[in-house]
Amino acid sequence: MKMLWYVIILIGFSWILQSIFGFLQIKHFNKKYAEMRKLGRVAIGKKTGLIKSGTVVMFAIDRKNNILKATKMQGVTVLSRVRNLKGFEGKNLLHLGEEDFYKVNKLTRLAIEDALNSYHIISKGGELKVKKGWIDLLLSKNRNYMR
């Protein structure tokens, strides 16, 4: 019985610690986003992973869609931070090609493609669809099962 309490306390402490680190990560991301927003418009793309690392890219662009600064945040833990993404400054966001992707990994490439797709939707006056997370999918399956 005493061991069970230790496990419960350990799980609770771990949850609190993860929440604190998650809050700090979001605060860091928002700070970097605000810095990029001062440069111009910002195109954001993401590729989430359940087991693999997730990736978020941000491109600060001018009125002609030239990239002023590129950053990415990639990792599987709440310790991931926004870092510079080299090789994209000065290029036009809408004219990125295969030669621009050979230096980045697959997840970064997919996040960049998501940023381009999001940019096209927003520039045409559309709205982005919110993608359901794995918890939302699990809950919706349980709701359908319970009916």
N, C-alpha and C. Protein backbone atom coordinates (compact mmCIF):
# COMPACT_ATOMS: atom_id res chain seq x y z
N MET A 1 0.82 -1.19 0.00
CA MET A 1 0.00 0.00 0.00
C MET A 1 0.87 1.26 0.00
N LYS A 2 1.97 1.17 0.78
CA LYS A 2 2.87 2.31 0.86
C LYS A 2 3.54 2.56 -0.50
N MET A 3 3.87 1.48 -1.19
CA MET A 3 4.50 1.58 -2.51
C MET A 3 3.57 2.24 -3.51
N LEU A 4 2.28 1.95 -3.42
CA LEU A 4 1.29 2.55 -4.31
C LEU A 4 1.28 4.07 -4.15
N TRP A 5 1.38 4.55 -2.91
CA TRP A 5 1.41 6.00 -2.68
C TRP A 5 2.66 6.64 -3.29
N TYR A 6 3.79 5.94 -3.20
CA TYR A 6 5.01 6.45 -3.82
C TYR A 6 4.86 6.57 -5.33
N VAL A 7 4.22 5.58 -5.93
CA VAL A 7 3.99 5.60 -7.38
C VAL A 7 3.05 6.75 -7.75
N ILE A 8 1.99 6.93 -6.98
CA ILE A 8 1.04 8.01 -7.25
C ILE A 8 1.73 9.37 -7.11
N ILE A 9 2.54 9.53 -6.09
CA ILE A 9 3.26 10.79 -5.89
C ILE A 9 4.27 11.01 -7.02
N LEU A 10 4.95 9.96 -7.45
CA LEU A 10 5.90 10.08 -8.55
C LEU A 10 5.20 10.47 -9.85
N ILE A 11 4.07 9.87 -10.13
CA ILE A 11 3.31 10.21 -11.33
C ILE A 11 2.82 11.66 -11.25
N GLY A 12 2.32 12.07 -10.12
CA GLY A 12 1.87 13.46 -9.95
C GLY A 12 3.00 14.45 -10.11
N PHE A 13 4.14 14.16 -9.52
CA PHE A 13 5.30 15.04 -9.64
C PHE A 13 5.77 15.11 -11.09
N SER A 14 5.78 13.98 -11.78
CA SER A 14 6.18 13.96 -13.18
C SER A 14 5.23 14.79 -14.03
N TRP A 15 3.95 14.69 -13.77
CA TRP A 15 2.95 15.46 -14.51
C TRP A 15 3.14 16.96 -14.29
N ILE A 16 3.37 17.35 -13.04
CA ILE A 16 3.59 18.77 -12.72
C ILE A 16 4.86 19.27 -13.41
N LEU A 17 5.93 18.48 -13.36
CA LEU A 17 7.19 18.86 -13.99
C LEU A 17 7.02 19.01 -15.50
N GLN A 18 6.32 18.08 -16.14
CA GLN A 18 6.07 18.16 -17.58
C GLN A 18 5.23 19.39 -17.91
N SER A 19 4.25 19.70 -17.08
CA SER A 19 3.41 20.89 -17.30
C SER A 19 4.25 22.16 -17.23
N ILE A 20 5.15 22.24 -16.28
CA ILE A 20 6.01 23.42 -16.14
C ILE A 20 6.90 23.56 -17.36
N PHE A 21 7.55 22.47 -17.78
CA PHE A 21 8.42 22.53 -18.96
C PHE A 21 7.62 22.84 -20.22
N GLY A 22 6.42 22.30 -20.33
CA GLY A 22 5.56 22.59 -21.48
C GLY A 22 5.20 24.07 -21.52
N PHE A 23 4.87 24.64 -20.37
CA PHE A 23 4.56 26.06 -20.29
C PHE A 23 5.76 26.90 -20.72
N LEU A 24 6.96 26.54 -20.25
CA LEU A 24 8.17 27.27 -20.62
C LEU A 24 8.46 27.15 -22.11
N GLN A 25 8.19 25.97 -22.69
CA GLN A 25 8.40 25.78 -24.12
C GLN A 25 7.45 26.67 -24.93
N ILE A 26 6.20 26.73 -24.54
CA ILE A 26 5.23 27.57 -25.24
C ILE A 26 5.60 29.04 -25.09
N LYS A 27 6.05 29.43 -23.91
CA LYS A 27 6.48 30.81 -23.69
C LYS A 27 7.65 31.16 -24.60
N HIS A 28 8.62 30.25 -24.73
CA HIS A 28 9.78 30.46 -25.61
C HIS A 28 9.33 30.58 -27.06
N PHE A 29 8.43 29.69 -27.50
CA PHE A 29 7.93 29.73 -28.87
C PHE A 29 7.23 31.05 -29.15
N ASN A 30 6.37 31.48 -28.23
CA ASN A 30 5.64 32.74 -28.42
C ASN A 30 6.59 33.94 -28.49
N LYS A 31 7.65 33.91 -27.71
CA LYS A 31 8.64 34.99 -27.74
C LYS A 31 9.32 35.04 -29.11
N LYS A 32 9.72 33.87 -29.62
CA LYS A 32 10.38 33.82 -30.94
C LYS A 32 9.40 34.22 -32.05
N TYR A 33 8.15 33.82 -31.92
CA TYR A 33 7.14 34.21 -32.90
C TYR A 33 6.98 35.73 -32.91
N ALA A 34 6.91 36.34 -31.73
CA ALA A 34 6.76 37.79 -31.62
C ALA A 34 7.97 38.50 -32.26
N GLU A 35 9.17 37.96 -32.07
CA GLU A 35 10.37 38.54 -32.68
C GLU A 35 10.27 38.48 -34.21
N MET A 36 9.81 37.36 -34.72
CA MET A 36 9.68 37.21 -36.17
C MET A 36 8.56 38.08 -36.71
N ARG A 37 7.50 38.24 -35.94
CA ARG A 37 6.36 39.04 -36.37
C ARG A 37 6.77 40.50 -36.56
N LYS A 38 7.75 40.96 -35.79
CA LYS A 38 8.26 42.33 -35.94
C LYS A 38 8.95 42.52 -37.28
N LEU A 39 9.45 41.42 -37.87
CA LEU A 39 10.13 41.50 -39.17
C LEU A 39 9.13 41.57 -40.32
N GLY A 40 7.96 40.98 -40.15
CA GLY A 40 6.95 40.95 -41.21
C GLY A 40 5.93 39.86 -40.93
N ARG A 41 5.26 39.42 -41.98
CA ARG A 41 4.29 38.33 -41.85
C ARG A 41 5.04 37.04 -41.55
N VAL A 42 4.35 36.10 -40.93
CA VAL A 42 4.98 34.83 -40.56
C VAL A 42 4.14 33.67 -41.08
N ALA A 43 4.78 32.81 -41.86
CA ALA A 43 4.14 31.57 -42.32
C ALA A 43 4.61 30.45 -41.40
N ILE A 44 3.67 29.70 -40.87
CA ILE A 44 3.99 28.63 -39.92
C ILE A 44 3.48 27.31 -40.48
N GLY A 45 4.32 26.29 -40.37
CA GLY A 45 3.93 24.95 -40.76
C GLY A 45 4.34 23.97 -39.70
N LYS A 46 3.61 22.87 -39.60
CA LYS A 46 3.96 21.88 -38.58
C LYS A 46 3.76 20.47 -39.11
N LYS A 47 4.52 19.58 -38.55
CA LYS A 47 4.36 18.16 -38.78
C LYS A 47 4.47 17.50 -37.42
N THR A 48 3.35 17.04 -36.92
CA THR A 48 3.36 16.43 -35.60
C THR A 48 3.63 14.94 -35.73
N GLY A 49 4.21 14.40 -34.70
CA GLY A 49 4.50 12.98 -34.68
C GLY A 49 4.05 12.39 -33.36
N LEU A 50 3.47 11.22 -33.41
CA LEU A 50 3.04 10.56 -32.18
C LEU A 50 4.24 9.96 -31.47
N ILE A 51 5.05 9.24 -32.21
CA ILE A 51 6.25 8.63 -31.64
C ILE A 51 7.49 9.38 -32.14
N LYS A 52 7.45 9.81 -33.40
CA LYS A 52 8.56 10.56 -33.97
C LYS A 52 8.55 11.99 -33.44
N SER A 53 9.64 12.68 -33.68
CA SER A 53 9.71 14.07 -33.24
C SER A 53 8.77 14.94 -34.05
N GLY A 54 8.20 15.92 -33.40
CA GLY A 54 7.37 16.88 -34.09
C GLY A 54 8.24 18.03 -34.58
N THR A 55 7.78 18.72 -35.61
CA THR A 55 8.54 19.83 -36.18
C THR A 55 7.61 20.99 -36.48
N VAL A 56 8.05 22.19 -36.09
CA VAL A 56 7.34 23.42 -36.41
C VAL A 56 8.34 24.35 -37.09
N VAL A 57 7.97 24.89 -38.25
CA VAL A 57 8.83 25.86 -38.93
C VAL A 57 8.10 27.20 -39.00
N MET A 58 8.89 28.27 -38.97
CA MET A 58 8.34 29.62 -39.11
C MET A 58 9.20 30.38 -40.10
N PHE A 59 8.54 31.07 -41.03
CA PHE A 59 9.23 31.90 -42.01
C PHE A 59 8.72 33.33 -41.86
N ALA A 60 9.60 34.27 -41.53
CA ALA A 60 9.25 35.68 -41.56
C ALA A 60 9.44 36.14 -43.00
N ILE A 61 8.38 36.71 -43.60
CA ILE A 61 8.45 37.10 -45.01
C ILE A 61 8.06 38.57 -45.18
N ASP A 62 8.59 39.18 -46.23
CA ASP A 62 8.23 40.56 -46.54
C ASP A 62 7.02 40.58 -47.47
N ARG A 63 6.66 41.75 -47.98
CA ARG A 63 5.47 41.88 -48.83
C ARG A 63 5.60 41.12 -50.15
N LYS A 64 6.83 40.88 -50.60
CA LYS A 64 7.05 40.16 -51.86
C LYS A 64 7.30 38.67 -51.62
N ASN A 65 7.04 38.21 -50.40
CA ASN A 65 7.18 36.81 -49.99
C ASN A 65 8.62 36.34 -49.94
N ASN A 66 9.57 37.27 -49.82
CA ASN A 66 10.97 36.90 -49.63
C ASN A 66 11.19 36.55 -48.17
N ILE A 67 11.92 35.49 -47.93
CA ILE A 67 12.15 35.01 -46.57
C ILE A 67 13.21 35.88 -45.90
N LEU A 68 12.82 36.50 -44.79
CA LEU A 68 13.74 37.33 -44.02
C LEU A 68 14.46 36.51 -42.96
N LYS A 69 13.75 35.55 -42.38
CA LYS A 69 14.33 34.69 -41.35
C LYS A 69 13.54 33.38 -41.31
N ALA A 70 14.26 32.28 -41.11
CA ALA A 70 13.62 30.97 -41.03
C ALA A 70 14.06 30.30 -39.73
N THR A 71 13.10 29.71 -39.03
CA THR A 71 13.41 28.99 -37.78
C THR A 71 12.64 27.68 -37.74
N LYS A 72 13.10 26.79 -36.87
CA LYS A 72 12.36 25.55 -36.66
C LYS A 72 12.52 25.10 -35.23
N MET A 73 11.52 24.37 -34.76
CA MET A 73 11.57 23.71 -33.46
C MET A 73 11.28 22.24 -33.73
N GLN A 74 12.22 21.38 -33.34
CA GLN A 74 12.05 19.96 -33.63
C GLN A 74 12.51 19.14 -32.44
N GLY A 75 11.72 18.14 -32.09
CA GLY A 75 12.09 17.25 -31.01
C GLY A 75 10.89 16.49 -30.48
N VAL A 76 11.16 15.57 -29.57
CA VAL A 76 10.09 14.76 -28.99
C VAL A 76 9.79 15.16 -27.55
N THR A 77 10.59 16.04 -26.97
CA THR A 77 10.39 16.41 -25.58
C THR A 77 10.03 17.88 -25.46
N VAL A 78 9.64 18.25 -24.25
CA VAL A 78 9.31 19.65 -23.97
C VAL A 78 10.58 20.49 -23.83
N LEU A 79 11.73 19.88 -24.01
CA LEU A 79 12.99 20.62 -23.94
C LEU A 79 13.40 21.19 -25.29
N SER A 80 12.64 20.92 -26.35
CA SER A 80 12.94 21.44 -27.68
C SER A 80 12.82 22.95 -27.69
N ARG A 81 13.69 23.59 -28.45
CA ARG A 81 13.69 25.05 -28.54
C ARG A 81 13.70 25.49 -30.00
N VAL A 82 13.30 26.73 -30.25
CA VAL A 82 13.31 27.29 -31.60
C VAL A 82 14.75 27.63 -31.97
N ARG A 83 15.18 27.14 -33.13
CA ARG A 83 16.53 27.40 -33.61
C ARG A 83 16.46 27.91 -35.05
N ASN A 84 17.52 28.59 -35.49
CA ASN A 84 17.56 29.11 -36.86
C ASN A 84 17.60 27.96 -37.86
N LEU A 85 16.94 28.16 -38.97
CA LEU A 85 16.92 27.19 -40.07
C LEU A 85 17.68 27.85 -41.22
N LYS A 86 18.90 27.40 -41.42
CA LYS A 86 19.79 28.07 -42.38
C LYS A 86 19.51 27.64 -43.82
N GLY A 87 19.85 28.53 -44.74
CA GLY A 87 19.75 28.23 -46.15
C GLY A 87 18.49 28.73 -46.83
N PHE A 88 17.61 29.40 -46.10
CA PHE A 88 16.35 29.85 -46.69
C PHE A 88 16.25 31.38 -46.78
N GLU A 89 17.07 32.10 -46.03
CA GLU A 89 17.00 33.56 -46.04
C GLU A 89 17.29 34.09 -47.44
N GLY A 90 16.48 35.07 -47.86
CA GLY A 90 16.67 35.70 -49.16
C GLY A 90 15.94 35.00 -50.29
N LYS A 91 15.44 33.80 -50.05
CA LYS A 91 14.70 33.08 -51.10
C LYS A 91 13.22 33.45 -51.02
N ASN A 92 12.53 33.24 -52.12
CA ASN A 92 11.11 33.52 -52.16
C ASN A 92 10.35 32.30 -51.66
N LEU A 93 9.46 32.52 -50.71
CA LEU A 93 8.71 31.41 -50.10
C LEU A 93 7.93 30.62 -51.14
N LEU A 94 7.33 31.31 -52.10
CA LEU A 94 6.48 30.65 -53.08
C LEU A 94 7.26 29.96 -54.19
N HIS A 95 8.56 30.17 -54.24
CA HIS A 95 9.38 29.55 -55.28
C HIS A 95 10.42 28.58 -54.73
N LEU A 96 10.14 28.02 -53.54
CA LEU A 96 11.04 27.02 -52.99
C LEU A 96 10.93 25.75 -53.84
N GLY A 97 12.06 25.15 -54.15
CA GLY A 97 12.06 23.95 -54.98
C GLY A 97 12.84 22.82 -54.35
N GLU A 98 12.98 21.75 -55.10
CA GLU A 98 13.68 20.56 -54.62
C GLU A 98 15.09 20.87 -54.13
N GLU A 99 15.78 21.77 -54.82
CA GLU A 99 17.16 22.09 -54.43
C GLU A 99 17.22 22.76 -53.06
N ASP A 100 16.11 23.34 -52.61
CA ASP A 100 16.07 23.98 -51.30
C ASP A 100 15.85 22.98 -50.17
N PHE A 101 15.36 21.79 -50.51
CA PHE A 101 15.01 20.81 -49.49
C PHE A 101 16.08 19.76 -49.22
N TYR A 102 17.12 19.71 -50.03
CA TYR A 102 18.05 18.59 -49.88
C TYR A 102 18.86 18.65 -48.58
N LYS A 103 18.92 19.81 -47.94
CA LYS A 103 19.68 19.93 -46.70
C LYS A 103 18.85 19.66 -45.45
N VAL A 104 17.53 19.51 -45.60
CA VAL A 104 16.66 19.32 -44.44
C VAL A 104 16.13 17.89 -44.39
N ASN A 105 15.76 17.45 -43.20
CA ASN A 105 15.23 16.09 -43.06
C ASN A 105 13.77 16.04 -43.50
N LYS A 106 13.23 14.82 -43.53
CA LYS A 106 11.88 14.60 -44.06
C LYS A 106 10.81 15.34 -43.25
N LEU A 107 10.92 15.33 -41.92
CA LEU A 107 9.92 16.00 -41.10
C LEU A 107 9.94 17.50 -41.31
N THR A 108 11.13 18.08 -41.49
CA THR A 108 11.24 19.51 -41.76
C THR A 108 10.64 19.83 -43.12
N ARG A 109 10.91 18.97 -44.08
CA ARG A 109 10.34 19.16 -45.42
C ARG A 109 8.81 19.16 -45.35
N LEU A 110 8.24 18.21 -44.63
CA LEU A 110 6.78 18.13 -44.51
C LEU A 110 6.21 19.35 -43.79
N ALA A 111 6.93 19.87 -42.79
CA ALA A 111 6.49 21.07 -42.09
C ALA A 111 6.54 22.28 -43.02
N ILE A 112 7.58 22.37 -43.86
CA ILE A 112 7.68 23.47 -44.82
C ILE A 112 6.54 23.39 -45.83
N GLU A 113 6.23 22.18 -46.30
CA GLU A 113 5.12 22.00 -47.23
C GLU A 113 3.80 22.42 -46.57
N ASP A 114 3.65 22.14 -45.27
CA ASP A 114 2.45 22.55 -44.54
C ASP A 114 2.39 24.08 -44.45
N ALA A 115 3.55 24.72 -44.23
CA ALA A 115 3.58 26.19 -44.18
C ALA A 115 3.16 26.78 -45.52
N LEU A 116 3.64 26.20 -46.62
CA LEU A 116 3.26 26.68 -47.95
C LEU A 116 1.76 26.49 -48.19
N ASN A 117 1.25 25.33 -47.81
CA ASN A 117 -0.18 25.05 -47.97
C ASN A 117 -1.02 26.01 -47.14
N SER A 118 -0.62 26.23 -45.90
CA SER A 118 -1.34 27.16 -45.02
C SER A 118 -1.30 28.57 -45.59
N TYR A 119 -0.14 28.98 -46.11
CA TYR A 119 0.00 30.31 -46.69
C TYR A 119 -0.98 30.49 -47.86
N HIS A 120 -1.06 29.48 -48.73
CA HIS A 120 -1.95 29.56 -49.89
C HIS A 120 -3.42 29.66 -49.45
N ILE A 121 -3.81 28.90 -48.45
CA ILE A 121 -5.19 28.93 -47.96
C ILE A 121 -5.52 30.30 -47.38
N ILE A 122 -4.63 30.82 -46.53
CA ILE A 122 -4.87 32.11 -45.88
C ILE A 122 -4.86 33.25 -46.90
N SER A 123 -3.93 33.20 -47.86
CA SER A 123 -3.83 34.29 -48.84
C SER A 123 -5.06 34.35 -49.75
N LYS A 124 -5.77 33.24 -49.89
CA LYS A 124 -7.00 33.21 -50.69
C LYS A 124 -8.24 33.52 -49.86
N GLY A 125 -8.03 33.86 -48.58
CA GLY A 125 -9.15 34.22 -47.71
C GLY A 125 -9.79 33.04 -47.02
N GLY A 126 -9.19 31.87 -47.11
CA GLY A 126 -9.76 30.69 -46.49
C GLY A 126 -9.37 30.57 -45.02
N GLU A 127 -9.89 29.54 -44.39
CA GLU A 127 -9.58 29.26 -42.99
C GLU A 127 -8.93 27.89 -42.90
N LEU A 128 -7.99 27.79 -41.98
CA LEU A 128 -7.31 26.52 -41.76
C LEU A 128 -8.19 25.59 -40.94
N LYS A 129 -8.20 24.32 -41.31
CA LYS A 129 -8.95 23.34 -40.55
C LYS A 129 -8.09 22.88 -39.38
N VAL A 130 -8.73 22.76 -38.23
CA VAL A 130 -8.03 22.27 -37.05
C VAL A 130 -7.96 20.76 -37.15
N LYS A 131 -6.74 20.24 -37.11
CA LYS A 131 -6.56 18.80 -37.19
C LYS A 131 -6.79 18.19 -35.81
N LYS A 132 -7.51 17.08 -35.78
CA LYS A 132 -7.77 16.41 -34.52
C LYS A 132 -6.53 15.67 -34.05
N GLY A 133 -6.26 15.77 -32.77
CA GLY A 133 -5.16 15.04 -32.16
C GLY A 133 -5.58 13.63 -31.84
N TRP A 134 -4.64 12.83 -31.37
CA TRP A 134 -4.94 11.42 -31.11
C TRP A 134 -5.93 11.27 -29.96
N ILE A 135 -5.92 12.20 -29.01
CA ILE A 135 -6.88 12.12 -27.90
C ILE A 135 -8.29 12.40 -28.41
N ASP A 136 -8.42 13.42 -29.28
CA ASP A 136 -9.73 13.73 -29.87
C ASP A 136 -10.26 12.54 -30.66
N LEU A 137 -9.40 11.90 -31.44
CA LEU A 137 -9.82 10.73 -32.22
C LEU A 137 -10.26 9.59 -31.31
N LEU A 138 -9.51 9.37 -30.24
CA LEU A 138 -9.85 8.31 -29.29
C LEU A 138 -11.19 8.59 -28.61
N LEU A 139 -11.40 9.84 -28.20
CA LEU A 139 -12.66 10.18 -27.54
C LEU A 139 -13.84 10.08 -28.49
N SER A 140 -13.65 10.49 -29.74
CA SER A 140 -14.77 10.41 -30.71
C SER A 140 -15.11 8.94 -31.00
N LYS A 141 -14.11 8.06 -31.02
CA LYS A 141 -14.40 6.64 -31.23
C LYS A 141 -15.17 6.07 -30.04
N ASN A 142 -14.80 6.50 -28.83
CA ASN A 142 -15.51 6.01 -27.66
C ASN A 142 -16.94 6.53 -27.62
N ARG A 143 -17.16 7.78 -28.04
CA ARG A 143 -18.52 8.32 -28.08
C ARG A 143 -19.39 7.54 -29.08
N ASN A 144 -18.83 7.22 -30.23
CA ASN A 144 -19.56 6.46 -31.23
C ASN A 144 -19.84 5.04 -30.74
N TYR A 145 -18.91 4.48 -30.01
CA TYR A 145 -19.07 3.13 -29.48
C TYR A 145 -20.15 3.08 -28.41
N MET A 146 -20.25 4.15 -27.59
CA MET A 146 -21.19 4.18 -26.48
C MET A 146 -22.63 4.35 -26.97
N ARG A 147 -22.84 4.85 -28.18
CA ARG A 147 -24.20 5.11 -28.67
C ARG A 147 -24.90 3.88 -29.06
